[in-house]
Amino acid sequence: MEALDILIDEHGIIRQFLDNLVFSLKKMEQGARPPKEFFEKALSFARDFTDKHHHFKEEHILFNRLAMKKKGKIDAEVESLKYQHEQGRARIEEVAKSLEGYAGGQEAQTLILLESLAAYISLLREHIHKEDHLFYPMVERELPWEEYRDLLEVFQRERKKMGEKFVEKSKRDLYEMGRLLITCVGVVLKPAPTQLLIL
């Protein structure tokens, strides 16, 4: 596996997370109320997998290396990607602040939660598309093989810091989020710890 393959695979997992969020919004628009636990798991996934695990590698390793290589020529593009990360964090914090009110049935807080999630989904989908189709191909073109190989080693070290089973745990958390959603609309999903639910 190459360095960018790791990031692209992680994008696939994040897309599945976003699909769960989309499903939750649709169900809320139809009058269902996903349990508070679903959103707690969503917050945990966004903070731990999407941000600390995935965005960390991009912001503190990949972006910096490519910016140094290009000697300022792509600083605007890098800053734009970092800004999108920051905006994503802000939307997640809005969800966190509105969660107690949502659980208590407060209409205003429920609306904030809906709007914040919708903004987060839209932002991350656009962001991932931009990275997959514009930024990552630039990395492949610009970084020489030695630096690219070193990037893989750095990514592997970062993965070990999070724990060897962190990614598998994140996938199980996604499955559990899907189970909570399906249960809240009256469909029972049989447990399948090794299977990832894609909604």
N, C-alpha and C. Protein backbone atom coordinates (compact mmCIF):
# COMPACT_ATOMS: atom_id res chain seq x y z
N MET A 1 0.84 -1.19 0.00
CA MET A 1 0.00 0.00 0.00
C MET A 1 0.88 1.24 0.00
N GLU A 2 0.52 2.23 -0.84
CA GLU A 2 1.26 3.48 -0.91
C GLU A 2 0.66 4.49 0.06
N ALA A 3 1.41 5.59 0.28
CA ALA A 3 0.98 6.60 1.25
C ALA A 3 -0.40 7.15 0.93
N LEU A 4 -0.63 7.52 -0.33
CA LEU A 4 -1.92 8.10 -0.70
C LEU A 4 -3.05 7.07 -0.64
N ASP A 5 -2.71 5.80 -0.83
CA ASP A 5 -3.74 4.76 -0.72
C ASP A 5 -4.35 4.75 0.68
N ILE A 6 -3.51 5.01 1.68
CA ILE A 6 -4.00 5.05 3.06
C ILE A 6 -5.02 6.17 3.21
N LEU A 7 -4.68 7.36 2.70
CA LEU A 7 -5.60 8.50 2.82
C LEU A 7 -6.88 8.28 2.02
N ILE A 8 -6.75 7.69 0.84
CA ILE A 8 -7.93 7.44 0.00
C ILE A 8 -8.83 6.40 0.65
N ASP A 9 -8.25 5.37 1.25
CA ASP A 9 -9.04 4.37 1.98
C ASP A 9 -9.78 5.02 3.15
N GLU A 10 -9.09 5.92 3.83
CA GLU A 10 -9.73 6.63 4.95
C GLU A 10 -10.86 7.52 4.45
N HIS A 11 -10.68 8.11 3.28
CA HIS A 11 -11.77 8.88 2.68
C HIS A 11 -13.00 8.00 2.47
N GLY A 12 -12.78 6.76 2.06
CA GLY A 12 -13.90 5.84 1.87
C GLY A 12 -14.66 5.60 3.16
N ILE A 13 -13.92 5.45 4.26
CA ILE A 13 -14.56 5.25 5.57
C ILE A 13 -15.32 6.51 5.98
N ILE A 14 -14.73 7.67 5.74
CA ILE A 14 -15.40 8.94 6.08
C ILE A 14 -16.66 9.13 5.24
N ARG A 15 -16.62 8.72 3.98
CA ARG A 15 -17.82 8.81 3.14
C ARG A 15 -18.96 7.96 3.71
N GLN A 16 -18.62 6.79 4.23
CA GLN A 16 -19.64 5.94 4.84
C GLN A 16 -20.21 6.61 6.09
N PHE A 17 -19.35 7.28 6.84
CA PHE A 17 -19.80 8.06 8.00
C PHE A 17 -20.78 9.15 7.55
N LEU A 18 -20.42 9.87 6.49
CA LEU A 18 -21.29 10.92 5.98
C LEU A 18 -22.63 10.35 5.49
N ASP A 19 -22.59 9.16 4.89
CA ASP A 19 -23.83 8.50 4.46
C ASP A 19 -24.74 8.22 5.66
N ASN A 20 -24.15 7.81 6.78
CA ASN A 20 -24.94 7.61 7.99
C ASN A 20 -25.59 8.92 8.44
N LEU A 21 -24.82 10.01 8.36
CA LEU A 21 -25.36 11.32 8.76
C LEU A 21 -26.49 11.74 7.83
N VAL A 22 -26.32 11.53 6.53
CA VAL A 22 -27.38 11.86 5.57
C VAL A 22 -28.65 11.08 5.90
N PHE A 23 -28.49 9.80 6.19
CA PHE A 23 -29.64 8.97 6.52
C PHE A 23 -30.35 9.49 7.78
N SER A 24 -29.54 9.92 8.76
CA SER A 24 -30.14 10.46 10.00
C SER A 24 -30.94 11.73 9.71
N LEU A 25 -30.42 12.60 8.84
CA LEU A 25 -31.14 13.83 8.51
C LEU A 25 -32.46 13.52 7.79
N LYS A 26 -32.41 12.57 6.86
CA LYS A 26 -33.63 12.20 6.15
C LYS A 26 -34.69 11.67 7.11
N LYS A 27 -34.26 10.85 8.06
CA LYS A 27 -35.21 10.29 9.01
C LYS A 27 -35.78 11.38 9.91
N MET A 28 -34.95 12.36 10.28
CA MET A 28 -35.45 13.46 11.12
C MET A 28 -36.46 14.30 10.34
N GLU A 29 -36.21 14.51 9.05
CA GLU A 29 -37.15 15.27 8.23
C GLU A 29 -38.49 14.54 8.09
N GLN A 30 -38.44 13.21 8.25
CA GLN A 30 -39.67 12.40 8.18
C GLN A 30 -40.34 12.23 9.55
N GLY A 31 -39.77 12.88 10.57
CA GLY A 31 -40.37 12.85 11.90
C GLY A 31 -39.74 11.91 12.90
N ALA A 32 -38.75 11.12 12.47
CA ALA A 32 -38.06 10.22 13.40
C ALA A 32 -37.05 11.02 14.22
N ARG A 33 -36.71 10.49 15.39
CA ARG A 33 -35.71 11.16 16.23
C ARG A 33 -34.62 10.15 16.59
N PRO A 34 -33.51 10.15 15.83
CA PRO A 34 -32.41 9.25 16.19
C PRO A 34 -31.99 9.48 17.63
N PRO A 35 -31.59 8.43 18.32
CA PRO A 35 -31.23 8.59 19.74
C PRO A 35 -29.99 9.46 19.93
N LYS A 36 -29.91 10.04 21.10
CA LYS A 36 -28.76 10.88 21.44
C LYS A 36 -27.46 10.10 21.26
N GLU A 37 -27.50 8.81 21.57
CA GLU A 37 -26.30 7.96 21.46
C GLU A 37 -25.75 7.95 20.04
N PHE A 38 -26.64 8.01 19.03
CA PHE A 38 -26.17 8.05 17.65
C PHE A 38 -25.29 9.27 17.42
N PHE A 39 -25.75 10.42 17.88
CA PHE A 39 -24.99 11.66 17.66
C PHE A 39 -23.73 11.71 18.52
N GLU A 40 -23.77 11.11 19.69
CA GLU A 40 -22.56 11.01 20.51
C GLU A 40 -21.49 10.20 19.78
N LYS A 41 -21.91 9.10 19.17
CA LYS A 41 -20.96 8.29 18.39
C LYS A 41 -20.47 9.05 17.17
N ALA A 42 -21.35 9.82 16.55
CA ALA A 42 -20.96 10.62 15.40
C ALA A 42 -19.91 11.66 15.79
N LEU A 43 -20.11 12.31 16.92
CA LEU A 43 -19.13 13.29 17.40
C LEU A 43 -17.79 12.64 17.68
N SER A 44 -17.83 11.48 18.31
CA SER A 44 -16.60 10.76 18.62
C SER A 44 -15.86 10.37 17.33
N PHE A 45 -16.60 9.88 16.34
CA PHE A 45 -15.98 9.48 15.08
C PHE A 45 -15.37 10.70 14.38
N ALA A 46 -16.13 11.79 14.32
CA ALA A 46 -15.64 13.00 13.64
C ALA A 46 -14.37 13.53 14.30
N ARG A 47 -14.34 13.51 15.62
CA ARG A 47 -13.18 14.05 16.33
C ARG A 47 -11.98 13.10 16.29
N ASP A 48 -12.23 11.82 16.48
CA ASP A 48 -11.12 10.88 16.60
C ASP A 48 -10.62 10.36 15.25
N PHE A 49 -11.53 9.84 14.43
CA PHE A 49 -11.07 9.28 13.15
C PHE A 49 -10.84 10.37 12.11
N THR A 50 -11.88 11.15 11.86
CA THR A 50 -11.77 12.15 10.78
C THR A 50 -10.70 13.19 11.09
N ASP A 51 -10.71 13.71 12.30
CA ASP A 51 -9.82 14.83 12.60
C ASP A 51 -8.46 14.38 13.13
N LYS A 52 -8.43 13.72 14.28
CA LYS A 52 -7.14 13.36 14.89
C LYS A 52 -6.36 12.35 14.06
N HIS A 53 -7.05 11.43 13.43
CA HIS A 53 -6.37 10.38 12.69
C HIS A 53 -6.09 10.78 11.24
N HIS A 54 -7.12 11.22 10.53
CA HIS A 54 -6.98 11.50 9.09
C HIS A 54 -6.46 12.92 8.83
N HIS A 55 -7.16 13.91 9.32
CA HIS A 55 -6.76 15.30 9.03
C HIS A 55 -5.39 15.63 9.61
N PHE A 56 -5.03 14.99 10.71
CA PHE A 56 -3.70 15.24 11.27
C PHE A 56 -2.62 14.89 10.25
N LYS A 57 -2.75 13.75 9.61
CA LYS A 57 -1.74 13.32 8.63
C LYS A 57 -1.67 14.30 7.46
N GLU A 58 -2.81 14.82 7.08
CA GLU A 58 -2.82 15.77 5.97
C GLU A 58 -2.20 17.10 6.39
N GLU A 59 -2.70 17.68 7.46
CA GLU A 59 -2.28 19.01 7.86
C GLU A 59 -0.82 19.08 8.29
N HIS A 60 -0.41 18.15 9.12
CA HIS A 60 0.91 18.25 9.75
C HIS A 60 2.01 17.50 9.01
N ILE A 61 1.62 16.69 8.05
CA ILE A 61 2.64 15.93 7.32
C ILE A 61 2.56 16.22 5.82
N LEU A 62 1.48 15.80 5.19
CA LEU A 62 1.37 15.88 3.74
C LEU A 62 1.37 17.32 3.22
N PHE A 63 0.50 18.16 3.75
CA PHE A 63 0.41 19.54 3.26
C PHE A 63 1.75 20.26 3.43
N ASN A 64 2.36 20.10 4.59
CA ASN A 64 3.62 20.80 4.86
C ASN A 64 4.73 20.35 3.91
N ARG A 65 4.81 19.07 3.66
CA ARG A 65 5.86 18.57 2.77
C ARG A 65 5.69 19.09 1.35
N LEU A 66 4.46 19.06 0.88
CA LEU A 66 4.24 19.51 -0.49
C LEU A 66 4.43 21.02 -0.60
N ALA A 67 3.99 21.77 0.41
CA ALA A 67 4.17 23.22 0.40
C ALA A 67 5.66 23.59 0.36
N MET A 68 6.47 22.86 1.13
CA MET A 68 7.92 23.11 1.12
C MET A 68 8.50 22.79 -0.25
N LYS A 69 8.02 21.72 -0.84
CA LYS A 69 8.52 21.30 -2.15
C LYS A 69 8.19 22.34 -3.22
N LYS A 70 7.02 22.93 -3.12
CA LYS A 70 6.56 23.90 -4.13
C LYS A 70 7.01 25.33 -3.82
N LYS A 71 7.66 25.52 -2.65
CA LYS A 71 8.25 26.82 -2.29
C LYS A 71 7.26 27.98 -2.41
N GLY A 72 6.11 27.80 -1.80
CA GLY A 72 5.13 28.89 -1.74
C GLY A 72 4.14 28.95 -2.88
N LYS A 73 4.34 28.16 -3.92
CA LYS A 73 3.47 28.25 -5.10
C LYS A 73 2.06 27.73 -4.85
N ILE A 74 1.90 26.85 -3.86
CA ILE A 74 0.56 26.30 -3.60
C ILE A 74 0.06 26.66 -2.20
N ASP A 75 0.65 27.68 -1.60
CA ASP A 75 0.24 28.05 -0.24
C ASP A 75 -1.25 28.36 -0.15
N ALA A 76 -1.80 29.02 -1.18
CA ALA A 76 -3.23 29.36 -1.15
C ALA A 76 -4.09 28.11 -1.14
N GLU A 77 -3.72 27.11 -1.95
CA GLU A 77 -4.48 25.86 -2.00
C GLU A 77 -4.40 25.11 -0.67
N VAL A 78 -3.20 25.07 -0.09
CA VAL A 78 -3.01 24.39 1.19
C VAL A 78 -3.82 25.09 2.29
N GLU A 79 -3.78 26.42 2.31
CA GLU A 79 -4.52 27.16 3.32
C GLU A 79 -6.03 26.94 3.16
N SER A 80 -6.48 26.82 1.91
CA SER A 80 -7.90 26.55 1.66
C SER A 80 -8.32 25.21 2.23
N LEU A 81 -7.49 24.18 2.05
CA LEU A 81 -7.80 22.85 2.58
C LEU A 81 -7.78 22.86 4.11
N LYS A 82 -6.81 23.56 4.70
CA LYS A 82 -6.76 23.66 6.16
C LYS A 82 -7.98 24.40 6.70
N TYR A 83 -8.38 25.44 6.00
CA TYR A 83 -9.55 26.22 6.42
C TYR A 83 -10.80 25.34 6.41
N GLN A 84 -10.93 24.48 5.40
CA GLN A 84 -12.06 23.57 5.36
C GLN A 84 -12.04 22.60 6.54
N HIS A 85 -10.86 22.15 6.93
CA HIS A 85 -10.75 21.31 8.13
C HIS A 85 -11.26 22.08 9.35
N GLU A 86 -10.84 23.34 9.47
CA GLU A 86 -11.25 24.16 10.61
C GLU A 86 -12.76 24.38 10.62
N GLN A 87 -13.33 24.61 9.44
CA GLN A 87 -14.77 24.79 9.35
C GLN A 87 -15.52 23.51 9.74
N GLY A 88 -14.96 22.37 9.36
CA GLY A 88 -15.56 21.11 9.77
C GLY A 88 -15.56 20.95 11.28
N ARG A 89 -14.45 21.30 11.91
CA ARG A 89 -14.38 21.23 13.38
C ARG A 89 -15.42 22.15 14.01
N ALA A 90 -15.59 23.33 13.44
CA ALA A 90 -16.56 24.29 13.99
C ALA A 90 -17.98 23.74 13.89
N ARG A 91 -18.31 23.10 12.76
CA ARG A 91 -19.65 22.54 12.61
C ARG A 91 -19.88 21.41 13.61
N ILE A 92 -18.86 20.61 13.84
CA ILE A 92 -18.99 19.51 14.81
C ILE A 92 -19.19 20.05 16.22
N GLU A 93 -18.52 21.14 16.55
CA GLU A 93 -18.71 21.74 17.88
C GLU A 93 -20.12 22.31 18.01
N GLU A 94 -20.69 22.83 16.92
CA GLU A 94 -22.08 23.30 16.95
C GLU A 94 -23.04 22.14 17.24
N VAL A 95 -22.75 20.99 16.61
CA VAL A 95 -23.57 19.80 16.88
C VAL A 95 -23.47 19.43 18.35
N ALA A 96 -22.24 19.43 18.88
CA ALA A 96 -22.03 19.06 20.28
C ALA A 96 -22.79 19.98 21.23
N LYS A 97 -22.77 21.28 20.95
CA LYS A 97 -23.44 22.24 21.82
C LYS A 97 -24.96 22.11 21.76
N SER A 98 -25.48 21.66 20.64
CA SER A 98 -26.94 21.56 20.49
C SER A 98 -27.50 20.22 20.95
N LEU A 99 -26.63 19.27 21.27
CA LEU A 99 -27.09 17.89 21.49
C LEU A 99 -27.99 17.75 22.72
N GLU A 100 -27.63 18.40 23.82
CA GLU A 100 -28.47 18.28 25.02
C GLU A 100 -29.86 18.85 24.75
N GLY A 101 -29.91 19.98 24.06
CA GLY A 101 -31.20 20.57 23.74
C GLY A 101 -32.01 19.68 22.83
N TYR A 102 -31.35 19.07 21.85
CA TYR A 102 -32.03 18.12 20.96
C TYR A 102 -32.62 16.97 21.77
N ALA A 103 -31.80 16.41 22.67
CA ALA A 103 -32.26 15.28 23.48
C ALA A 103 -33.44 15.68 24.37
N GLY A 104 -33.48 16.96 24.74
CA GLY A 104 -34.58 17.45 25.57
C GLY A 104 -35.79 17.90 24.78
N GLY A 105 -35.74 17.73 23.47
CA GLY A 105 -36.89 18.07 22.64
C GLY A 105 -37.02 19.54 22.28
N GLN A 106 -35.94 20.31 22.46
CA GLN A 106 -36.00 21.74 22.14
C GLN A 106 -35.92 21.94 20.63
N GLU A 107 -36.92 22.60 20.08
CA GLU A 107 -37.00 22.76 18.63
C GLU A 107 -35.84 23.57 18.07
N ALA A 108 -35.47 24.65 18.75
CA ALA A 108 -34.39 25.51 18.24
C ALA A 108 -33.07 24.76 18.17
N GLN A 109 -32.78 23.97 19.21
CA GLN A 109 -31.53 23.21 19.24
C GLN A 109 -31.54 22.09 18.20
N THR A 110 -32.70 21.52 17.98
CA THR A 110 -32.84 20.49 16.94
C THR A 110 -32.55 21.09 15.57
N LEU A 111 -33.04 22.30 15.33
CA LEU A 111 -32.79 22.97 14.06
C LEU A 111 -31.31 23.27 13.87
N ILE A 112 -30.65 23.71 14.95
CA ILE A 112 -29.21 23.98 14.88
C ILE A 112 -28.45 22.70 14.55
N LEU A 113 -28.84 21.60 15.19
CA LEU A 113 -28.20 20.32 14.93
C LEU A 113 -28.37 19.92 13.46
N LEU A 114 -29.58 20.04 12.94
CA LEU A 114 -29.85 19.70 11.55
C LEU A 114 -29.01 20.55 10.60
N GLU A 115 -29.01 21.85 10.82
CA GLU A 115 -28.28 22.77 9.93
C GLU A 115 -26.78 22.53 10.01
N SER A 116 -26.27 22.28 11.19
CA SER A 116 -24.83 22.07 11.37
C SER A 116 -24.38 20.78 10.70
N LEU A 117 -25.18 19.73 10.86
CA LEU A 117 -24.85 18.45 10.20
C LEU A 117 -24.91 18.58 8.69
N ALA A 118 -25.93 19.26 8.18
CA ALA A 118 -26.05 19.44 6.73
C ALA A 118 -24.84 20.20 6.18
N ALA A 119 -24.42 21.24 6.89
CA ALA A 119 -23.25 22.02 6.47
C ALA A 119 -21.98 21.17 6.52
N TYR A 120 -21.85 20.36 7.56
CA TYR A 120 -20.69 19.49 7.72
C TYR A 120 -20.61 18.47 6.58
N ILE A 121 -21.73 17.84 6.27
CA ILE A 121 -21.77 16.84 5.19
C ILE A 121 -21.37 17.47 3.87
N SER A 122 -21.97 18.61 3.55
CA SER A 122 -21.66 19.28 2.28
C SER A 122 -20.19 19.67 2.19
N LEU A 123 -19.68 20.23 3.27
CA LEU A 123 -18.28 20.67 3.31
C LEU A 123 -17.33 19.50 3.10
N LEU A 124 -17.53 18.41 3.84
CA LEU A 124 -16.59 17.29 3.75
C LEU A 124 -16.68 16.57 2.42
N ARG A 125 -17.87 16.47 1.85
CA ARG A 125 -17.97 15.82 0.54
C ARG A 125 -17.21 16.62 -0.52
N GLU A 126 -17.37 17.93 -0.51
CA GLU A 126 -16.65 18.77 -1.47
C GLU A 126 -15.14 18.69 -1.22
N HIS A 127 -14.76 18.71 0.05
CA HIS A 127 -13.36 18.67 0.44
C HIS A 127 -12.69 17.37 -0.01
N ILE A 128 -13.33 16.25 0.23
CA ILE A 128 -12.78 14.95 -0.15
C ILE A 128 -12.64 14.87 -1.68
N HIS A 129 -13.64 15.35 -2.39
CA HIS A 129 -13.57 15.34 -3.86
C HIS A 129 -12.37 16.15 -4.34
N LYS A 130 -12.17 17.30 -3.75
CA LYS A 130 -11.05 18.16 -4.15
C LYS A 130 -9.71 17.48 -3.88
N GLU A 131 -9.60 16.85 -2.74
CA GLU A 131 -8.34 16.17 -2.42
C GLU A 131 -8.10 14.98 -3.33
N ASP A 132 -9.11 14.16 -3.53
CA ASP A 132 -8.95 12.94 -4.34
C ASP A 132 -8.62 13.26 -5.79
N HIS A 133 -9.22 14.31 -6.33
CA HIS A 133 -9.12 14.56 -7.77
C HIS A 133 -8.14 15.67 -8.16
N LEU A 134 -7.76 16.51 -7.20
CA LEU A 134 -6.83 17.60 -7.51
C LEU A 134 -5.55 17.55 -6.68
N PHE A 135 -5.71 17.46 -5.37
CA PHE A 135 -4.53 17.59 -4.51
C PHE A 135 -3.68 16.32 -4.48
N TYR A 136 -4.29 15.17 -4.30
CA TYR A 136 -3.51 13.94 -4.24
C TYR A 136 -2.77 13.65 -5.55
N PRO A 137 -3.41 13.85 -6.72
CA PRO A 137 -2.63 13.68 -7.96
C PRO A 137 -1.43 14.61 -8.05
N MET A 138 -1.56 15.82 -7.48
CA MET A 138 -0.43 16.74 -7.45
C MET A 138 0.71 16.18 -6.59
N VAL A 139 0.34 15.56 -5.48
CA VAL A 139 1.35 14.95 -4.61
C VAL A 139 2.10 13.87 -5.38
N GLU A 140 1.38 13.04 -6.10
CA GLU A 140 2.02 11.96 -6.87
C GLU A 140 2.98 12.52 -7.92
N ARG A 141 2.60 13.63 -8.54
CA ARG A 141 3.46 14.22 -9.58
C ARG A 141 4.68 14.90 -9.00
N GLU A 142 4.53 15.54 -7.85
CA GLU A 142 5.57 16.44 -7.37
C GLU A 142 6.60 15.79 -6.44
N LEU A 143 6.16 14.81 -5.64
CA LEU A 143 7.10 14.23 -4.68
C LEU A 143 7.92 13.13 -5.34
N PRO A 144 9.24 13.21 -5.23
CA PRO A 144 10.07 12.12 -5.77
C PRO A 144 9.85 10.83 -4.97
N TRP A 145 10.22 9.70 -5.58
CA TRP A 145 9.93 8.39 -5.00
C TRP A 145 10.47 8.26 -3.56
N GLU A 146 11.67 8.76 -3.30
CA GLU A 146 12.26 8.62 -1.96
C GLU A 146 11.39 9.32 -0.91
N GLU A 147 10.93 10.52 -1.22
CA GLU A 147 10.11 11.27 -0.28
C GLU A 147 8.74 10.61 -0.13
N TYR A 148 8.22 10.08 -1.22
CA TYR A 148 6.92 9.42 -1.20
C TYR A 148 6.98 8.17 -0.32
N ARG A 149 8.08 7.41 -0.44
CA ARG A 149 8.26 6.21 0.38
C ARG A 149 8.40 6.58 1.85
N ASP A 150 9.11 7.68 2.12
CA ASP A 150 9.26 8.15 3.49
C ASP A 150 7.91 8.57 4.08
N LEU A 151 7.06 9.15 3.23
CA LEU A 151 5.73 9.56 3.66
C LEU A 151 4.93 8.35 4.17
N LEU A 152 5.05 7.23 3.46
CA LEU A 152 4.36 6.01 3.87
C LEU A 152 4.84 5.56 5.25
N GLU A 153 6.14 5.61 5.48
CA GLU A 153 6.68 5.21 6.78
C GLU A 153 6.17 6.10 7.91
N VAL A 154 6.09 7.40 7.63
CA VAL A 154 5.57 8.34 8.63
C VAL A 154 4.10 8.04 8.93
N PHE A 155 3.31 7.78 7.88
CA PHE A 155 1.90 7.46 8.07
C PHE A 155 1.73 6.19 8.89
N GLN A 156 2.58 5.20 8.63
CA GLN A 156 2.49 3.94 9.36
C GLN A 156 2.83 4.14 10.83
N ARG A 157 3.79 5.02 11.11
CA ARG A 157 4.13 5.33 12.50
C ARG A 157 2.95 6.01 13.21
N GLU A 158 2.30 6.93 12.49
CA GLU A 158 1.14 7.62 13.07
C GLU A 158 0.02 6.63 13.37
N ARG A 159 -0.15 5.66 12.49
CA ARG A 159 -1.21 4.66 12.70
C ARG A 159 -0.92 3.84 13.96
N LYS A 160 0.34 3.51 14.17
CA LYS A 160 0.71 2.75 15.37
C LYS A 160 0.44 3.55 16.64
N LYS A 161 0.62 4.87 16.57
CA LYS A 161 0.35 5.72 17.73
C LYS A 161 -1.12 5.65 18.14
N MET A 162 -1.98 5.54 17.14
CA MET A 162 -3.43 5.46 17.43
C MET A 162 -3.83 4.07 17.90
N GLY A 163 -2.95 3.10 17.71
CA GLY A 163 -3.26 1.72 18.09
C GLY A 163 -3.56 0.89 16.86
N GLU A 164 -3.04 -0.32 16.84
CA GLU A 164 -3.17 -1.20 15.67
C GLU A 164 -4.63 -1.47 15.29
N LYS A 165 -5.51 -1.48 16.28
CA LYS A 165 -6.91 -1.83 16.00
C LYS A 165 -7.83 -0.61 15.91
N PHE A 166 -7.24 0.58 15.86
CA PHE A 166 -8.05 1.80 15.85
C PHE A 166 -8.98 1.87 14.64
N VAL A 167 -8.46 1.56 13.46
CA VAL A 167 -9.27 1.64 12.25
C VAL A 167 -10.42 0.64 12.30
N GLU A 168 -10.13 -0.58 12.75
CA GLU A 168 -11.19 -1.58 12.85
C GLU A 168 -12.25 -1.16 13.86
N LYS A 169 -11.82 -0.56 14.97
CA LYS A 169 -12.78 -0.05 15.95
C LYS A 169 -13.65 1.04 15.34
N SER A 170 -13.05 1.90 14.54
CA SER A 170 -13.80 2.97 13.88
C SER A 170 -14.85 2.40 12.94
N LYS A 171 -14.50 1.34 12.23
CA LYS A 171 -15.46 0.69 11.34
C LYS A 171 -16.61 0.07 12.13
N ARG A 172 -16.28 -0.54 13.28
CA ARG A 172 -17.34 -1.10 14.12
C ARG A 172 -18.26 -0.01 14.65
N ASP A 173 -17.67 1.15 14.97
CA ASP A 173 -18.47 2.29 15.44
C ASP A 173 -19.44 2.74 14.35
N LEU A 174 -19.00 2.73 13.10
CA LEU A 174 -19.89 3.08 11.99
C LEU A 174 -21.04 2.09 11.89
N TYR A 175 -20.73 0.82 12.03
CA TYR A 175 -21.78 -0.20 12.01
C TYR A 175 -22.79 0.06 13.13
N GLU A 176 -22.28 0.37 14.32
CA GLU A 176 -23.16 0.61 15.45
C GLU A 176 -24.03 1.85 15.21
N MET A 177 -23.47 2.87 14.59
CA MET A 177 -24.26 4.06 14.25
C MET A 177 -25.42 3.67 13.32
N GLY A 178 -25.11 2.85 12.32
CA GLY A 178 -26.15 2.39 11.40
C GLY A 178 -27.21 1.58 12.11
N ARG A 179 -26.78 0.73 13.05
CA ARG A 179 -27.74 -0.08 13.81
C ARG A 179 -28.67 0.81 14.63
N LEU A 180 -28.12 1.84 15.24
CA LEU A 180 -28.94 2.76 16.03
C LEU A 180 -29.97 3.47 15.15
N LEU A 181 -29.56 3.84 13.96
CA LEU A 181 -30.48 4.52 13.04
C LEU A 181 -31.61 3.60 12.61
N ILE A 182 -31.25 2.39 12.22
CA ILE A 182 -32.26 1.45 11.73
C ILE A 182 -33.21 1.06 12.85
N THR A 183 -32.68 0.88 14.05
CA THR A 183 -33.52 0.53 15.20
C THR A 183 -34.52 1.65 15.48
N CYS A 184 -34.10 2.90 15.32
CA CYS A 184 -34.98 4.02 15.66
C CYS A 184 -36.14 4.16 14.69
N VAL A 185 -36.03 3.54 13.51
CA VAL A 185 -37.16 3.59 12.56
C VAL A 185 -37.89 2.25 12.50
N GLY A 186 -37.61 1.37 13.48
CA GLY A 186 -38.41 0.17 13.63
C GLY A 186 -37.94 -1.06 12.89
N VAL A 187 -36.71 -1.05 12.38
CA VAL A 187 -36.17 -2.23 11.71
C VAL A 187 -35.06 -2.79 12.58
N VAL A 188 -35.09 -4.07 12.85
CA VAL A 188 -34.08 -4.70 13.70
C VAL A 188 -32.95 -5.23 12.83
N LEU A 189 -31.73 -4.85 13.17
CA LEU A 189 -30.55 -5.30 12.44
C LEU A 189 -29.80 -6.30 13.31
N LYS A 190 -29.54 -7.49 12.80
CA LYS A 190 -28.81 -8.49 13.56
C LYS A 190 -27.36 -8.07 13.72
N PRO A 191 -26.77 -8.34 14.89
CA PRO A 191 -25.37 -7.95 15.12
C PRO A 191 -24.43 -8.62 14.12
N ALA A 192 -23.48 -7.85 13.64
CA ALA A 192 -22.45 -8.39 12.74
C ALA A 192 -21.18 -7.57 12.96
N PRO A 193 -20.43 -7.88 14.04
CA PRO A 193 -19.30 -7.05 14.45
C PRO A 193 -18.25 -6.85 13.37
N THR A 194 -18.08 -7.81 12.48
CA THR A 194 -17.03 -7.68 11.47
C THR A 194 -17.56 -7.07 10.18
N GLN A 195 -18.85 -6.83 10.11
CA GLN A 195 -19.45 -6.30 8.88
C GLN A 195 -19.68 -4.81 9.03
N LEU A 196 -19.34 -4.03 8.01
CA LEU A 196 -19.54 -2.59 8.05
C LEU A 196 -20.83 -2.26 7.34
N LEU A 197 -21.71 -1.56 8.04
CA LEU A 197 -22.99 -1.18 7.44
C LEU A 197 -22.78 0.04 6.57
N ILE A 198 -23.21 -0.05 5.33
CA ILE A 198 -23.14 1.08 4.41
C ILE A 198 -24.57 1.47 4.06
N LEU A 199 -24.95 2.68 4.43
CA LEU A 199 -26.33 3.13 4.20
C LEU A 199 -26.38 3.99 2.96
